[in-house]
C-alpha atoms as a PDB file:
ATOM      1  CA  GLU A   1     110.065 170.225 221.575  1.00  0.00           C
ATOM      2  CA  GLU A   2     108.340 167.175 221.079  1.00  0.00           C
ATOM      3  CA  GLY A   3     106.959 168.135 218.038  1.00  0.00           C
ATOM      4  CA  ARG A   4     109.728 168.229 216.547  1.00  0.00           C
ATOM      5  CA  VAL A   5     110.872 164.879 217.401  1.00  0.00           C
ATOM      6  CA  ILE A   6     107.288 163.004 216.324  1.00  0.00           C
ATOM      7  CA  ALA A   7     108.173 165.541 212.880  1.00  0.00           C
ATOM      8  CA  ALA A   8     111.849 164.325 212.705  1.00  0.00           C
ATOM      9  CA  MET A   9     110.696 160.383 213.624  1.00  0.00           C
ATOM     10  CA  ALA A  10     108.109 160.316 210.662  1.00  0.00           C
ATOM     11  CA  SER A  11     110.345 161.978 208.106  1.00  0.00           C
ATOM     12  CA  PHE A  12     112.996 158.745 209.182  1.00  0.00           C
ATOM     13  CA  MET A  13     110.277 155.932 208.159  1.00  0.00           C
ATOM     14  CA  ALA A  14     109.003 157.502 205.014  1.00  0.00           C
ATOM     15  CA  SER A  15     112.300 157.251 203.866  1.00  0.00           C
ATOM     16  CA  PHE A  16     112.817 153.949 205.834  1.00  0.00           C
ATOM     17  CA  GLY A  17     109.984 153.261 203.947  1.00  0.00           C
ATOM     18  CA  ARG A  18     110.942 153.704 200.832  1.00  0.00           C
ATOM     19  CA  LEU A  19     114.525 153.274 201.001  1.00  0.00           C
ATOM     20  CA  ALA A  20     112.958 149.866 201.854  1.00  0.00           C
ATOM     21  CA  GLY A  21     110.583 149.759 198.839  1.00  0.00           C
ATOM     22  CA  LEU A  22     113.090 150.672 196.029  1.00  0.00           C
ATOM     23  CA  ALA A  23     114.980 147.364 197.695  1.00  0.00           C
ATOM     24  CA  ARG A  24     112.001 145.097 197.004  1.00  0.00           C
ATOM     25  CA  SER A  25     111.296 146.169 193.951  1.00  0.00           C
ATOM     26  CA  VAL A  26     115.287 146.036 193.229  1.00  0.00           C
ATOM     27  CA  ARG A  27     115.085 142.404 194.531  1.00  0.00           C
ATOM     28  CA  GLU A  28     112.005 140.957 193.012  1.00  0.00           C
ATOM     29  CA  ALA A  29     113.531 142.562 189.910  1.00  0.00           C
ATOM     30  CA  VAL A  30     116.672 140.475 190.214  1.00  0.00           C
ATOM     31  CA  VAL A  31     115.288 137.738 191.191  1.00  0.00           C
ATOM     32  CA  VAL A  32     112.799 137.555 187.884  1.00  0.00           C
ATOM     33  CA  ASN A  33     115.621 138.584 185.652  1.00  0.00           C
ATOM     34  CA  TYR A  34     117.447 135.727 186.956  1.00  0.00           C
ATOM     35  CA  GLY A  35     114.522 133.362 187.146  1.00  0.00           C
ATOM     36  CA  VAL A  36     114.408 134.092 183.148  1.00  0.00           C
ATOM     37  CA  ALA A  37     118.006 133.858 182.388  1.00  0.00           C
ATOM     38  CA  THR A  38     118.596 130.418 184.487  1.00  0.00           C
ATOM     39  CA  LYS A  39     115.205 129.182 182.492  1.00  0.00           C
ATOM     40  CA  ALA A  40     117.218 130.149 179.222  1.00  0.00           C
ATOM     41  CA  VAL A  41     120.118 128.906 180.060  1.00  0.00           C
ATOM     42  CA  HIS A  42     118.418 125.421 181.021  1.00  0.00           C
ATOM     43  CA  ALA A  43     116.735 125.459 177.931  1.00  0.00           C
ATOM     44  CA  GLN A  44     119.262 125.771 175.934  1.00  0.00           C
ATOM     45  CA  THR A  45     121.490 123.208 177.634  1.00  0.00           C
ATOM     46  CA  ARG A  46     118.024 121.043 177.199  1.00  0.00           C
ATOM     47  CA  SER A  47     118.333 121.659 173.333  1.00  0.00           C
ATOM     48  CA  TYR A  48     122.478 121.451 172.747  1.00  0.00           C
ATOM     49  CA  ALA A  49     123.418 118.587 175.434  1.00  0.00           C
ATOM     50  CA  PRO A  50     124.614 115.655 173.003  1.00  0.00           C
ATOM     51  CA  MET A  51     123.589 112.817 175.868  1.00  0.00           C
ATOM     52  CA  LYS A  52     118.989 112.288 177.461  1.00  0.00           C
ATOM     53  CA  LEU A  53     118.382 111.523 180.556  1.00  0.00           C
ATOM     54  CA  TYR A  54     115.369 109.878 181.700  1.00  0.00           C
ATOM     55  CA  LYS A  55     113.136 110.089 184.869  1.00  0.00           C
ATOM     56  CA  PRO A  56     113.470 106.729 187.392  1.00  0.00           C
ATOM     57  CA  THR A  57     109.313 105.754 186.561  1.00  0.00           C
ATOM     58  CA  THR A  58     111.091 102.821 186.395  1.00  0.00           C
ATOM     59  CA  PRO A  59     114.034 100.303 187.346  1.00  0.00           C
ATOM     60  CA  GLY A  60     114.960 100.607 183.791  1.00  0.00           C
ATOM     61  CA  GLN A  61     114.503 104.218 182.626  1.00  0.00           C
ATOM     62  CA  ARG A  62     116.890 104.769 186.586  1.00  0.00           C
ATOM     63  CA  HIS A  63     120.463 104.443 184.722  1.00  0.00           C
ATOM     64  CA  LYS A  64     119.379 105.315 181.510  1.00  0.00           C
ATOM     65  CA  ILE A  65     121.114 107.731 178.759  1.00  0.00           C
ATOM     66  CA  THR A  66     120.931 107.591 175.173  1.00  0.00           C
ATOM     67  CA  VAL A  67     122.328 109.633 172.853  1.00  0.00           C
ATOM     68  CA  ARG A  68     119.913 112.433 171.595  1.00  0.00           C
ATOM     69  CA  ARG A  69     118.755 111.833 167.902  1.00  0.00           C
ATOM     70  CA  ASP A  70     116.836 114.813 167.489  1.00  0.00           C
ATOM     71  CA  HIS A  71     118.428 116.069 164.294  1.00  0.00           C
ATOM     72  CA  LEU A  72     117.833 112.619 162.924  1.00  0.00           C
ATOM     73  CA  TRP A  73     115.266 111.620 159.744  1.00  0.00           C
ATOM     74  CA  LYS A  74     111.778 111.105 161.609  1.00  0.00           C
ATOM     75  CA  GLY A  75     110.380 108.649 159.328  1.00  0.00           C
ATOM     76  CA  LYS A  76     112.041 105.689 157.390  1.00  0.00           C
ATOM     77  CA  PRO A  77     114.612 104.929 155.650  1.00  0.00           C
ATOM     78  CA  PHE A  78     115.433 105.471 151.672  1.00  0.00           C
ATOM     79  CA  ARG A  79     114.214 101.655 150.074  1.00  0.00           C
ATOM     80  CA  ALA A  80     115.779 101.432 147.026  1.00  0.00           C
ATOM     81  CA  LEU A  81     118.830 101.404 149.420  1.00  0.00           C
ATOM     82  CA  THR A  82     118.235  98.545 151.558  1.00  0.00           C
ATOM     83  CA  LYS A  83     117.309  94.709 151.159  1.00  0.00           C
ATOM     84  CA  GLY A  84     117.007  92.027 153.918  1.00  0.00           C
ATOM     85  CA  LYS A  85     118.525  91.059 156.891  1.00  0.00           C
ATOM     86  CA  ARG A  86     119.032  87.844 157.293  1.00  0.00           C
ATOM     87  CA  SER A  87     119.919  87.122 161.507  1.00  0.00           C
ATOM     88  CA  THR A  88     122.367  84.020 161.262  1.00  0.00           C
ATOM     89  CA  GLY A  89     122.236  83.487 165.882  1.00  0.00           C
ATOM     90  CA  GLY A  90     125.978  83.461 165.941  1.00  0.00           C
ATOM     91  CA  ARG A  91     125.848  79.894 163.751  1.00  0.00           C
ATOM     92  CA  ASN A  92     128.400  79.305 160.383  1.00  0.00           C
ATOM     93  CA  ASN A  93     127.112  77.674 157.400  1.00  0.00           C
ATOM     94  CA  THR A  94     127.538  74.319 158.716  1.00  0.00           C
ATOM     95  CA  GLY A  95     124.962  75.308 162.249  1.00  0.00           C
ATOM     96  CA  ARG A  96     127.837  75.567 164.994  1.00  0.00           C
ATOM     97  CA  ILE A  97     127.846  78.653 167.251  1.00  0.00           C
ATOM     98  CA  THR A  98     131.478  80.768 165.726  1.00  0.00           C
ATOM     99  CA  ALA A  99     129.933  83.946 167.701  1.00  0.00           C
ATOM    100  CA  PHE A 100     128.879  83.570 171.300  1.00  0.00           C
ATOM    101  CA  HIS A 101     126.403  85.705 172.607  1.00  0.00           C
ATOM    102  CA  ARG A 102     124.095  86.308 169.477  1.00  0.00           C
ATOM    103  CA  GLY A 103     120.789  85.647 168.524  1.00  0.00           C
ATOM    104  CA  GLY A 104     117.191  87.409 169.136  1.00  0.00           C
ATOM    105  CA  GLY A 105     116.613  91.490 168.728  1.00  0.00           C
ATOM    106  CA  HIS A 106     114.757  93.154 166.322  1.00  0.00           C
ATOM    107  CA  LYS A 107     114.604  92.959 162.976  1.00  0.00           C
ATOM    108  CA  ARG A 108     116.492  94.783 160.928  1.00  0.00           C
ATOM    109  CA  ARG A 109     116.917  96.386 156.960  1.00  0.00           C
ATOM    110  CA  LEU A 110     120.831  96.351 155.360  1.00  0.00           C
ATOM    111  CA  ARG A 111     121.556 100.408 154.236  1.00  0.00           C
ATOM    112  CA  LEU A 112     123.819  99.968 151.169  1.00  0.00           C
ATOM    113  CA  VAL A 113     126.230 102.013 152.490  1.00  0.00           C
ATOM    114  CA  ASP A 114     128.973 103.814 149.477  1.00  0.00           C
ATOM    115  CA  VAL A 115     131.954 103.222 150.770  1.00  0.00           C
ATOM    116  CA  HIS A 116     133.778 103.565 148.053  1.00  0.00           C
ATOM    117  CA  ARG A 117     133.083 107.041 146.846  1.00  0.00           C
ATOM    118  CA  THR A 118     133.997 106.870 143.102  1.00  0.00           C
ATOM    119  CA  LEU A 119     131.326 108.946 141.391  1.00  0.00           C
ATOM    120  CA  TYR A 120     134.419 111.432 140.830  1.00  0.00           C
ATOM    121  CA  GLY A 121     133.483 115.085 140.415  1.00  0.00           C
ATOM    122  CA  VAL A 122     129.179 114.485 139.972  1.00  0.00           C
ATOM    123  CA  GLU A 123     127.820 117.309 143.350  1.00  0.00           C
ATOM    124  CA  GLY A 124     125.187 115.733 145.636  1.00  0.00           C
ATOM    125  CA  THR A 125     123.436 117.385 148.239  1.00  0.00           C
ATOM    126  CA  VAL A 126     122.827 116.127 151.900  1.00  0.00           C
ATOM    127  CA  LYS A 127     118.962 115.720 152.358  1.00  0.00           C
ATOM    128  CA  ARG A 128     118.987 114.038 155.810  1.00  0.00           C
ATOM    129  CA  LEU A 129     120.912 112.390 158.347  1.00  0.00           C
ATOM    130  CA  GLU A 130     119.470 108.785 159.648  1.00  0.00           C
ATOM    131  CA  TYR A 131     119.889 106.412 162.207  1.00  0.00           C
ATOM    132  CA  ASP A 132     121.516 103.134 161.412  1.00  0.00           C
ATOM    133  CA  PRO A 133     120.769  99.750 163.259  1.00  0.00           C
ATOM    134  CA  ASN A 134     123.804  98.323 161.796  1.00  0.00           C
ATOM    135  CA  ARG A 135     126.709 100.740 162.822  1.00  0.00           C
ATOM    136  CA  SER A 136     127.400 102.842 165.456  1.00  0.00           C
ATOM    137  CA  ALA A 137     127.823 106.134 163.602  1.00  0.00           C
ATOM    138  CA  ASP A 138     125.071 107.884 161.970  1.00  0.00           C
ATOM    139  CA  ILE A 139     124.900 108.198 157.829  1.00  0.00           C
ATOM    140  CA  ALA A 140     123.567 110.953 155.171  1.00  0.00           C
ATOM    141  CA  LEU A 141     121.520 110.541 152.356  1.00  0.00           C
ATOM    142  CA  VAL A 142     122.882 112.137 149.670  1.00  0.00           C
ATOM    143  CA  GLU A 143     120.945 113.283 146.473  1.00  0.00           C
ATOM    144  CA  TYR A 144     123.196 113.603 143.459  1.00  0.00           C
ATOM    145  CA  ASP A 145     122.542 116.095 140.814  1.00  0.00           C
ATOM    146  CA  HIS A 146     120.597 115.583 137.500  1.00  0.00           C
ATOM    147  CA  PRO A 147     122.592 115.072 134.232  1.00  0.00           C
ATOM    148  CA  GLY A 148     120.302 116.538 132.012  1.00  0.00           C
ATOM    149  CA  ASN A 149     121.469 119.558 134.355  1.00  0.00           C
ATOM    150  CA  VAL A 150     124.383 120.103 133.099  1.00  0.00           C
ATOM    151  CA  GLU A 151     125.706 120.743 129.116  1.00  0.00           C
ATOM    152  CA  GLY A 152     126.967 118.723 126.105  1.00  0.00           C
ATOM    153  CA  SER A 153     128.769 115.012 127.506  1.00  0.00           C
ATOM    154  CA  GLN A 154     129.940 116.126 130.429  1.00  0.00           C
ATOM    155  CA  GLY A 155     126.170 114.921 131.742  1.00  0.00           C
ATOM    156  CA  ASP A 156     125.959 111.366 129.553  1.00  0.00           C
ATOM    157  CA  GLU A 157     129.478 110.512 131.761  1.00  0.00           C
ATOM    158  CA  ILE A 158     127.323 111.737 134.844  1.00  0.00           C
ATOM    159  CA  ALA A 159     124.657 109.357 133.741  1.00  0.00           C
ATOM    160  CA  ASP A 160     126.476 106.969 132.895  1.00  0.00           C
ATOM    161  CA  LEU A 161     128.267 107.117 136.301  1.00  0.00           C
ATOM    162  CA  LEU A 162     125.576 107.281 138.738  1.00  0.00           C
ATOM    163  CA  ALA A 163     124.331 103.967 136.400  1.00  0.00           C
ATOM    164  CA  SER A 164     126.569 102.273 137.017  1.00  0.00           C
ATOM    165  CA  ASN A 165     127.564 102.273 140.385  1.00  0.00           C
ATOM    166  CA  SER A 166     125.809  99.672 142.528  1.00  0.00           C
ATOM    167  CA  PHE A 167     125.190 101.877 145.394  1.00  0.00           C
ATOM    168  CA  VAL A 168     123.073 104.879 144.028  1.00  0.00           C
ATOM    169  CA  LYS A 169     119.364 104.320 143.363  1.00  0.00           C
ATOM    170  CA  LYS A 170     117.864 107.136 141.124  1.00  0.00           C
ATOM    171  CA  ARG A 171     120.372 109.217 142.297  1.00  0.00           C
ATOM    172  CA  HIS A 172     120.450 109.048 146.332  1.00  0.00           C
ATOM    173  CA  ALA A 173     122.927 107.127 147.733  1.00  0.00           C
ATOM    174  CA  TYR A 174     123.712 107.835 151.609  1.00  0.00           C
ATOM    175  CA  ILE A 175     127.210 108.118 152.909  1.00  0.00           C
ATOM    176  CA  ILE A 176     128.682 107.835 156.486  1.00  0.00           C
ATOM    177  CA  ALA A 177     127.998 110.972 158.336  1.00  0.00           C
ATOM    178  CA  PRO A 178     131.368 112.820 159.498  1.00  0.00           C
ATOM    179  CA  GLU A 179     131.192 115.318 162.258  1.00  0.00           C
ATOM    180  CA  GLY A 180     129.382 118.766 161.446  1.00  0.00           C
ATOM    181  CA  LEU A 181     127.896 117.675 157.952  1.00  0.00           C
ATOM    182  CA  LYS A 182     123.905 119.009 157.826  1.00  0.00           C
ATOM    183  CA  PRO A 183     121.530 118.694 155.529  1.00  0.00           C
ATOM    184  CA  GLY A 184     121.663 120.958 152.662  1.00  0.00           C
ATOM    185  CA  ASP A 185     125.947 121.056 152.759  1.00  0.00           C
ATOM    186  CA  ARG A 186     126.972 120.047 149.646  1.00  0.00           C
ATOM    187  CA  VAL A 187     129.397 116.923 148.874  1.00  0.00           C
ATOM    188  CA  VAL A 188     131.446 115.710 145.755  1.00  0.00           C
ATOM    189  CA  SER A 189     134.722 113.066 145.777  1.00  0.00           C
ATOM    190  CA  ASN A 190     137.238 113.945 144.363  1.00  0.00           C
ATOM    191  CA  GLY A 191     136.228 116.970 142.233  1.00  0.00           C
ATOM    192  CA  LYS A 192     138.182 119.936 140.744  1.00  0.00           C
ATOM    193  CA  ASP A 193     138.968 122.946 143.216  1.00  0.00           C
ATOM    194  CA  ALA A 194     136.031 120.812 146.099  1.00  0.00           C
ATOM    195  CA  ALA A 195     136.669 122.776 149.225  1.00  0.00           C
ATOM    196  CA  VAL A 196     138.700 120.251 152.596  1.00  0.00           C
ATOM    197  CA  SER A 197     135.847 120.320 154.273  1.00  0.00           C
ATOM    198  CA  PRO A 198     133.432 117.873 155.825  1.00  0.00           C
ATOM    199  CA  GLY A 199     131.853 114.864 153.625  1.00  0.00           C
ATOM    200  CA  ASN A 200     134.188 115.363 150.609  1.00  0.00           C
ATOM    201  CA  ALA A 201     136.126 112.267 149.758  1.00  0.00           C
ATOM    202  CA  PHE A 202     139.494 112.749 148.301  1.00  0.00           C
ATOM    203  CA  LYS A 203     142.686 110.134 147.000  1.00  0.00           C
ATOM    204  CA  LEU A 204     145.141 110.574 149.523  1.00  0.00           C
ATOM    205  CA  ARG A 205     147.246 111.956 147.917  1.00  0.00           C
ATOM    206  CA  ASP A 206     145.218 115.185 146.953  1.00  0.00           C
ATOM    207  CA  ILE A 207     145.070 115.694 150.757  1.00  0.00           C
ATOM    208  CA  PRO A 208     146.646 118.145 152.562  1.00  0.00           C
ATOM    209  CA  VAL A 209     148.777 116.723 155.576  1.00  0.00           C
ATOM    210  CA  GLY A 210     147.115 117.208 159.173  1.00  0.00           C
ATOM    211  CA  VAL A 211     143.964 116.747 157.985  1.00  0.00           C
ATOM    212  CA  GLU A 212     141.098 114.579 159.585  1.00  0.00           C
ATOM    213  CA  ILE A 213     140.176 111.756 157.216  1.00  0.00           C
ATOM    214  CA  HIS A 214     138.087 108.559 158.151  1.00  0.00           C
ATOM    215  CA  ASN A 215     136.579 105.911 155.753  1.00  0.00           C
ATOM    216  CA  ILE A 216     139.761 104.730 154.983  1.00  0.00           C
ATOM    217  CA  GLU A 217     140.950 102.712 151.259  1.00  0.00           C
ATOM    218  CA  LEU A 218     143.786 100.003 151.967  1.00  0.00           C
ATOM    219  CA  ARG A 219     143.668  99.076 148.279  1.00  0.00           C
ATOM    220  CA  PRO A 220     141.652 101.408 145.940  1.00  0.00           C
ATOM    221  CA  GLY A 221     138.363 100.615 144.391  1.00  0.00           C
ATOM    222  CA  LYS A 222     137.663  98.092 147.387  1.00  0.00           C
ATOM    223  CA  GLY A 223     136.307 100.921 149.260  1.00  0.00           C
ATOM    224  CA  GLY A 224     137.142 102.529 152.550  1.00  0.00           C
ATOM    225  CA  GLN A 225     137.446  99.711 155.554  1.00  0.00           C
ATOM    226  CA  LEU A 226     139.564 102.051 158.460  1.00  0.00           C
ATOM    227  CA  VAL A 227     138.602 104.548 160.280  1.00  0.00           C
ATOM    228  CA  ARG A 228     134.637 104.178 160.002  1.00  0.00           C
ATOM    229  CA  SER A 229     132.985 104.021 163.711  1.00  0.00           C
ATOM    230  CA  ALA A 230     130.898 106.856 165.921  1.00  0.00           C
ATOM    231  CA  GLY A 231     133.353 109.582 166.748  1.00  0.00           C
ATOM    232  CA  VAL A 232     137.103 107.746 165.694  1.00  0.00           C
ATOM    233  CA  THR A 233     139.220 109.136 163.740  1.00  0.00           C
ATOM    234  CA  ALA A 234     142.614 109.479 161.617  1.00  0.00           C
ATOM    235  CA  THR A 235     144.702 111.645 161.025  1.00  0.00           C
ATOM    236  CA  LEU A 236     147.003 112.198 157.465  1.00  0.00           C
ATOM    237  CA  MET A 237     151.155 112.464 158.730  1.00  0.00           C
ATOM    238  CA  ARG A 238     153.404 112.204 155.663  1.00  0.00           C
ATOM    239  CA  ARG A 239     153.374 111.716 152.259  1.00  0.00           C
ATOM    240  CA  GLU A 240     156.340 109.452 151.169  1.00  0.00           C
ATOM    241  CA  ALA A 241     157.224 110.224 147.120  1.00  0.00           C
ATOM    242  CA  GLU A 242     159.280 108.106 146.301  1.00  0.00           C
ATOM    243  CA  ASP A 243     157.003 105.176 146.285  1.00  0.00           C
ATOM    244  CA  GLY A 244     153.785 106.862 146.232  1.00  0.00           C
ATOM    245  CA  TYR A 245     152.740 105.649 149.808  1.00  0.00           C
ATOM    246  CA  CYS A 246     150.914 108.121 152.377  1.00  0.00           C
ATOM    247  CA  ILE A 247     152.060 107.509 156.386  1.00  0.00           C
ATOM    248  CA  VAL A 248     147.947 107.820 158.372  1.00  0.00           C
ATOM    249  CA  LYS A 249     147.842 107.970 162.092  1.00  0.00           C
ATOM    250  CA  LEU A 250     144.560 105.546 162.750  1.00  0.00           C
ATOM    251  CA  PRO A 251     142.668 106.385 166.037  1.00  0.00           C
ATOM    252  CA  SER A 252     144.564 103.485 167.976  1.00  0.00           C
ATOM    253  CA  GLY A 253     147.560 105.647 167.867  1.00  0.00           C
ATOM    254  CA  GLU A 254     149.195 102.542 164.828  1.00  0.00           C
ATOM    255  CA  GLN A 255     151.109 105.030 162.132  1.00  0.00           C
ATOM    256  CA  ARG A 256     150.673 102.427 158.254  1.00  0.00           C
ATOM    257  CA  TYR A 257     151.456 103.206 155.366  1.00  0.00           C
ATOM    258  CA  VAL A 258     148.862 103.221 152.857  1.00  0.00           C
ATOM    259  CA  LEU A 259     148.713 103.958 149.364  1.00  0.00           C
ATOM    260  CA  GLY A 260     148.219 107.656 148.142  1.00  0.00           C
ATOM    261  CA  GLU A 261     145.974 106.848 144.830  1.00  0.00           C
ATOM    262  CA  CYS A 262     143.679 104.836 148.583  1.00  0.00           C
ATOM    263  CA  MET A 263     140.032 107.214 148.686  1.00  0.00           C
ATOM    264  CA  ALA A 264     139.856 108.607 152.351  1.00  0.00           C
ATOM    265  CA  SER A 265     136.925 110.949 152.731  1.00  0.00           C
ATOM    266  CA  ILE A 266     137.138 114.720 154.679  1.00  0.00           C
ATOM    267  CA  GLY A 267     136.946 115.095 158.540  1.00  0.00           C
ATOM    268  CA  ALA A 268     136.066 113.271 162.192  1.00  0.00           C
ATOM    269  CA  VAL A 269     132.641 110.433 161.896  1.00  0.00           C
ATOM    270  CA  GLY A 270     129.819 111.146 163.715  1.00  0.00           C
ATOM    271  CA  ASN A 271     127.554 110.560 167.017  1.00  0.00           C
ATOM    272  CA  LYS A 272     131.306 111.080 169.227  1.00  0.00           C
ATOM    273  CA  ASP A 273     129.166 110.246 172.264  1.00  0.00           C
ATOM    274  CA  HIS A 274     128.136 106.920 170.924  1.00  0.00           C
ATOM    275  CA  HIS A 275     130.722 105.496 173.349  1.00  0.00           C
ATOM    276  CA  ASN A 276     129.065 107.547 176.748  1.00  0.00           C
ATOM    277  CA  ARG A 277     125.570 105.887 176.152  1.00  0.00           C
ATOM    278  CA  LYS A 278     123.790 103.310 179.315  1.00  0.00           C
ATOM    279  CA  LEU A 279     121.396 101.175 178.507  1.00  0.00           C
ATOM    280  CA  GLY A 280     119.654 101.035 181.201  1.00  0.00           C
ATOM    281  CA  LYS A 281     118.500  97.519 181.464  1.00  0.00           C
ATOM    282  CA  ALA A 282     119.280  94.116 180.284  1.00  0.00           C
ATOM    283  CA  GLY A 283     116.456  94.166 178.345  1.00  0.00           C
ATOM    284  CA  ALA A 284     118.070  96.397 176.159  1.00  0.00           C
ATOM    285  CA  ASN A 285     121.230  94.236 174.701  1.00  0.00           C
ATOM    286  CA  ARG A 286     118.506  91.183 173.856  1.00  0.00           C
ATOM    287  CA  TRP A 287     116.797  93.594 171.429  1.00  0.00           C
ATOM    288  CA  ARG A 288     119.956  94.426 170.350  1.00  0.00           C
ATOM    289  CA  GLY A 289     120.826  90.434 169.350  1.00  0.00           C
ATOM    290  CA  ARG A 290     123.102  90.500 172.443  1.00  0.00           C
ATOM    291  CA  ARG A 291     122.663  87.166 174.448  1.00  0.00           C
ATOM    292  CA  PRO A 292     123.334  86.427 178.464  1.00  0.00           C
ATOM    293  CA  VAL A 293     127.096  86.312 178.492  1.00  0.00           C
ATOM    294  CA  VAL A 294     128.334  82.814 181.034  1.00  0.00           C
ATOM    295  CA  ARG A 295     131.262  83.020 183.710  1.00  0.00           C
ATOM    296  CA  GLY A 296     133.605  79.944 182.510  1.00  0.00           C
ATOM    297  CA  VAL A 297     133.985  79.736 187.379  1.00  0.00           C
ATOM    298  CA  ALA A 298     130.076  78.688 186.719  1.00  0.00           C
ATOM    299  CA  MET A 299     130.591  75.973 184.374  1.00  0.00           C
ATOM    300  CA  ASN A 300     131.907  72.734 184.392  1.00  0.00           C
ATOM    301  CA  PRO A 301     135.073  71.277 183.965  1.00  0.00           C
ATOM    302  CA  VAL A 302     134.536  70.242 180.760  1.00  0.00           C
ATOM    303  CA  ASP A 303     132.868  73.680 179.180  1.00  0.00           C
ATOM    304  CA  HIS A 304     135.943  75.677 180.502  1.00  0.00           C
ATOM    305  CA  PRO A 305     139.449  76.220 182.144  1.00  0.00           C
ATOM    306  CA  HIS A 306     137.825  77.630 185.147  1.00  0.00           C
ATOM    307  CA  GLY A 307     134.688  75.120 185.537  1.00  0.00           C
ATOM    308  CA  GLY A 308     134.565  73.157 188.150  1.00  0.00           C
ATOM    309  CA  GLY A 309     135.759  72.862 191.945  1.00  0.00           C
ATOM    310  CA  GLU A 310     133.901  72.405 195.461  1.00  0.00           C
ATOM    311  CA  GLY A 311     132.566  75.654 195.976  1.00  0.00           C
ATOM    312  CA  LYS A 312     132.723  79.352 195.495  1.00  0.00           C
ATOM    313  CA  SER A 313     135.759  78.935 193.478  1.00  0.00           C
ATOM    314  CA  SER A 314     138.162  81.073 191.150  1.00  0.00           C
ATOM    315  CA  GLY A 315     139.045  79.023 188.742  1.00  0.00           C
ATOM    316  CA  GLY A 316     142.817  78.125 190.063  1.00  0.00           C
ATOM    317  CA  ARG A 317     144.626  79.484 186.763  1.00  0.00           C
ATOM    318  CA  PRO A 318     144.988  82.544 185.453  1.00  0.00           C
ATOM    319  CA  SER A 319     142.744  84.006 183.057  1.00  0.00           C
ATOM    320  CA  SER A 320     142.071  82.324 179.568  1.00  0.00           C
ATOM    321  CA  THR A 321     139.294  81.357 176.822  1.00  0.00           C
ATOM    322  CA  PRO A 322     137.444  78.430 176.977  1.00  0.00           C
ATOM    323  CA  TRP A 323     140.039  77.497 175.115  1.00  0.00           C
ATOM    324  CA  GLY A 324     142.804  77.597 176.761  1.00  0.00           C
ATOM    325  CA  LYS A 325     145.027  80.791 175.367  1.00  0.00           C
ATOM    326  CA  PRO A 326     145.355  82.966 177.995  1.00  0.00           C
ATOM    327  CA  THR A 327     143.858  86.091 178.366  1.00  0.00           C
ATOM    328  CA  LYS A 328     144.861  89.791 179.757  1.00  0.00           C
ATOM    329  CA  GLY A 329     147.613  90.998 177.187  1.00  0.00           C
ATOM    330  CA  TYR A 330     148.417  87.883 175.574  1.00  0.00           C
ATOM    331  CA  ARG A 331     149.877  89.094 171.620  1.00  0.00           C
ATOM    332  CA  THR A 332     147.571  86.814 169.504  1.00  0.00           C
ATOM    333  CA  ARG A 333     148.887  88.506 166.519  1.00  0.00           C
ATOM    334  CA  LYS A 334     151.127  86.440 164.160  1.00  0.00           C
ATOM    335  CA  LYS A 335     154.927  86.863 164.268  1.00  0.00           C
ATOM    336  CA  LYS A 336     155.474  87.359 160.117  1.00  0.00           C
ATOM    337  CA  LYS A 337     152.297  88.756 159.348  1.00  0.00           C
ATOM    338  CA  GLU A 338     152.218  89.635 155.392  1.00  0.00           C
ATOM    339  CA  SER A 339     151.016  93.363 156.190  1.00  0.00           C
ATOM    340  CA  ASP A 340     153.374  93.802 158.582  1.00  0.00           C
ATOM    341  CA  LYS A 341     155.242  95.645 156.122  1.00  0.00           C
ATOM    342  CA  PHE A 342     152.977  98.583 156.214  1.00  0.00           C
ATOM    343  CA  VAL A 343     153.317  98.762 159.686  1.00  0.00           C
ATOM    344  CA  HIS A 344     155.281 102.124 159.748  1.00  0.00           C
ATOM    345  CA  LEU A 345     154.795 102.500 164.265  1.00  0.00           C
ATOM    346  CA  SER A 346     153.003 100.081 165.782  1.00  0.00           C
ATOM    347  CA  ARG A 347     150.642 100.804 168.483  1.00  0.00           C
ATOM    348  CA  HIS A 348     152.141  99.485 171.263  1.00  0.00           C
ATOM    349  CA  HIS A 349     155.504 101.482 170.208  1.00  0.00           C
ATOM    350  CA  ALA A 350     153.805 104.373 170.087  1.00  0.00           C
ATOM    351  CA  LYS A 351     152.350 104.447 173.444  1.00  0.00           C
ATOM    352  CA  ARG A 352     155.692 103.305 174.790  1.00  0.00           C
ATOM    353  CA  LYS A 353     157.247 106.654 173.031  1.00  0.00           C
ATOM    354  CA  LYS A 354     154.024 108.949 174.197  1.00  0.00           C
ATOM    355  CA  SER A 355     154.721 107.894 177.912  1.00  0.00           C
ATOM    356  CA  ARG A 356     158.910 108.628 177.127  1.00  0.00           C
END
């Protein structure tokens, strides 16, 4: 009897050991696989995350967040398309400060960016995307096709266009890089049967209604003036057949009449996470040529309307500029501005209309 009990217990223990071993092996496999998957997910997140965080090795690094620039060109800009930039320190031609809190900063070179896009029908290839210290958006270097590769008189016309355009040097030009543009993509301006894709430019009358656009001209041939900052976009709302004007919805919500002969580029401007960056320390602003801002309540009465007073005063009046103009909502636009006739719906009316 005792032998049968001992044998049963031994069989049970062997079965339990096999089950424990199986469970242990399953647990190890799950841990290993989960760890690999987690590492893969983290690696993917690191490689595709738009923002770059830093380890807090110094107080300035602790809160620093920058936009990733892994996809941008690491070298110097295309030299022929740059020129020197002289810093003004916020002074005008008489030496008086007209733009406050400017001065110092790193030396820069201006990039000659083609905002006119007047090389009609000439195709080019995007060579690379670059950082531009003079704007929030990235720029793209485009190499246009060699005129010798085009047969007949059309090649001579392309050669004349390339030679006469001051923003094209050695068949290269800079354009504002829209969202989704990559090296190797083909771009064209006002090309026949060209696709409505990011980087291409057309006259407003040739763009389908509802398409996102940027770098919009206000006068034909003057060059793009609207919607050029990082991440912004406008929308073509409607075309007026009788007078040739188009209604464009701007990032502020304003809807504006723009002549259909004006050029615009397709797509939203790239570098959309630019507004999420954090500089981390005051010195980073100094590198960019921004000097400290002094509060009005810390000044003397001769310097600012909020200045003076015994002890720590709050200014004693509603917030105002150094010249006494109210701030925080005071409208400074002229009542009868000449361009009012081109505003179909102001941003204020658009906001009220949206809130209803």
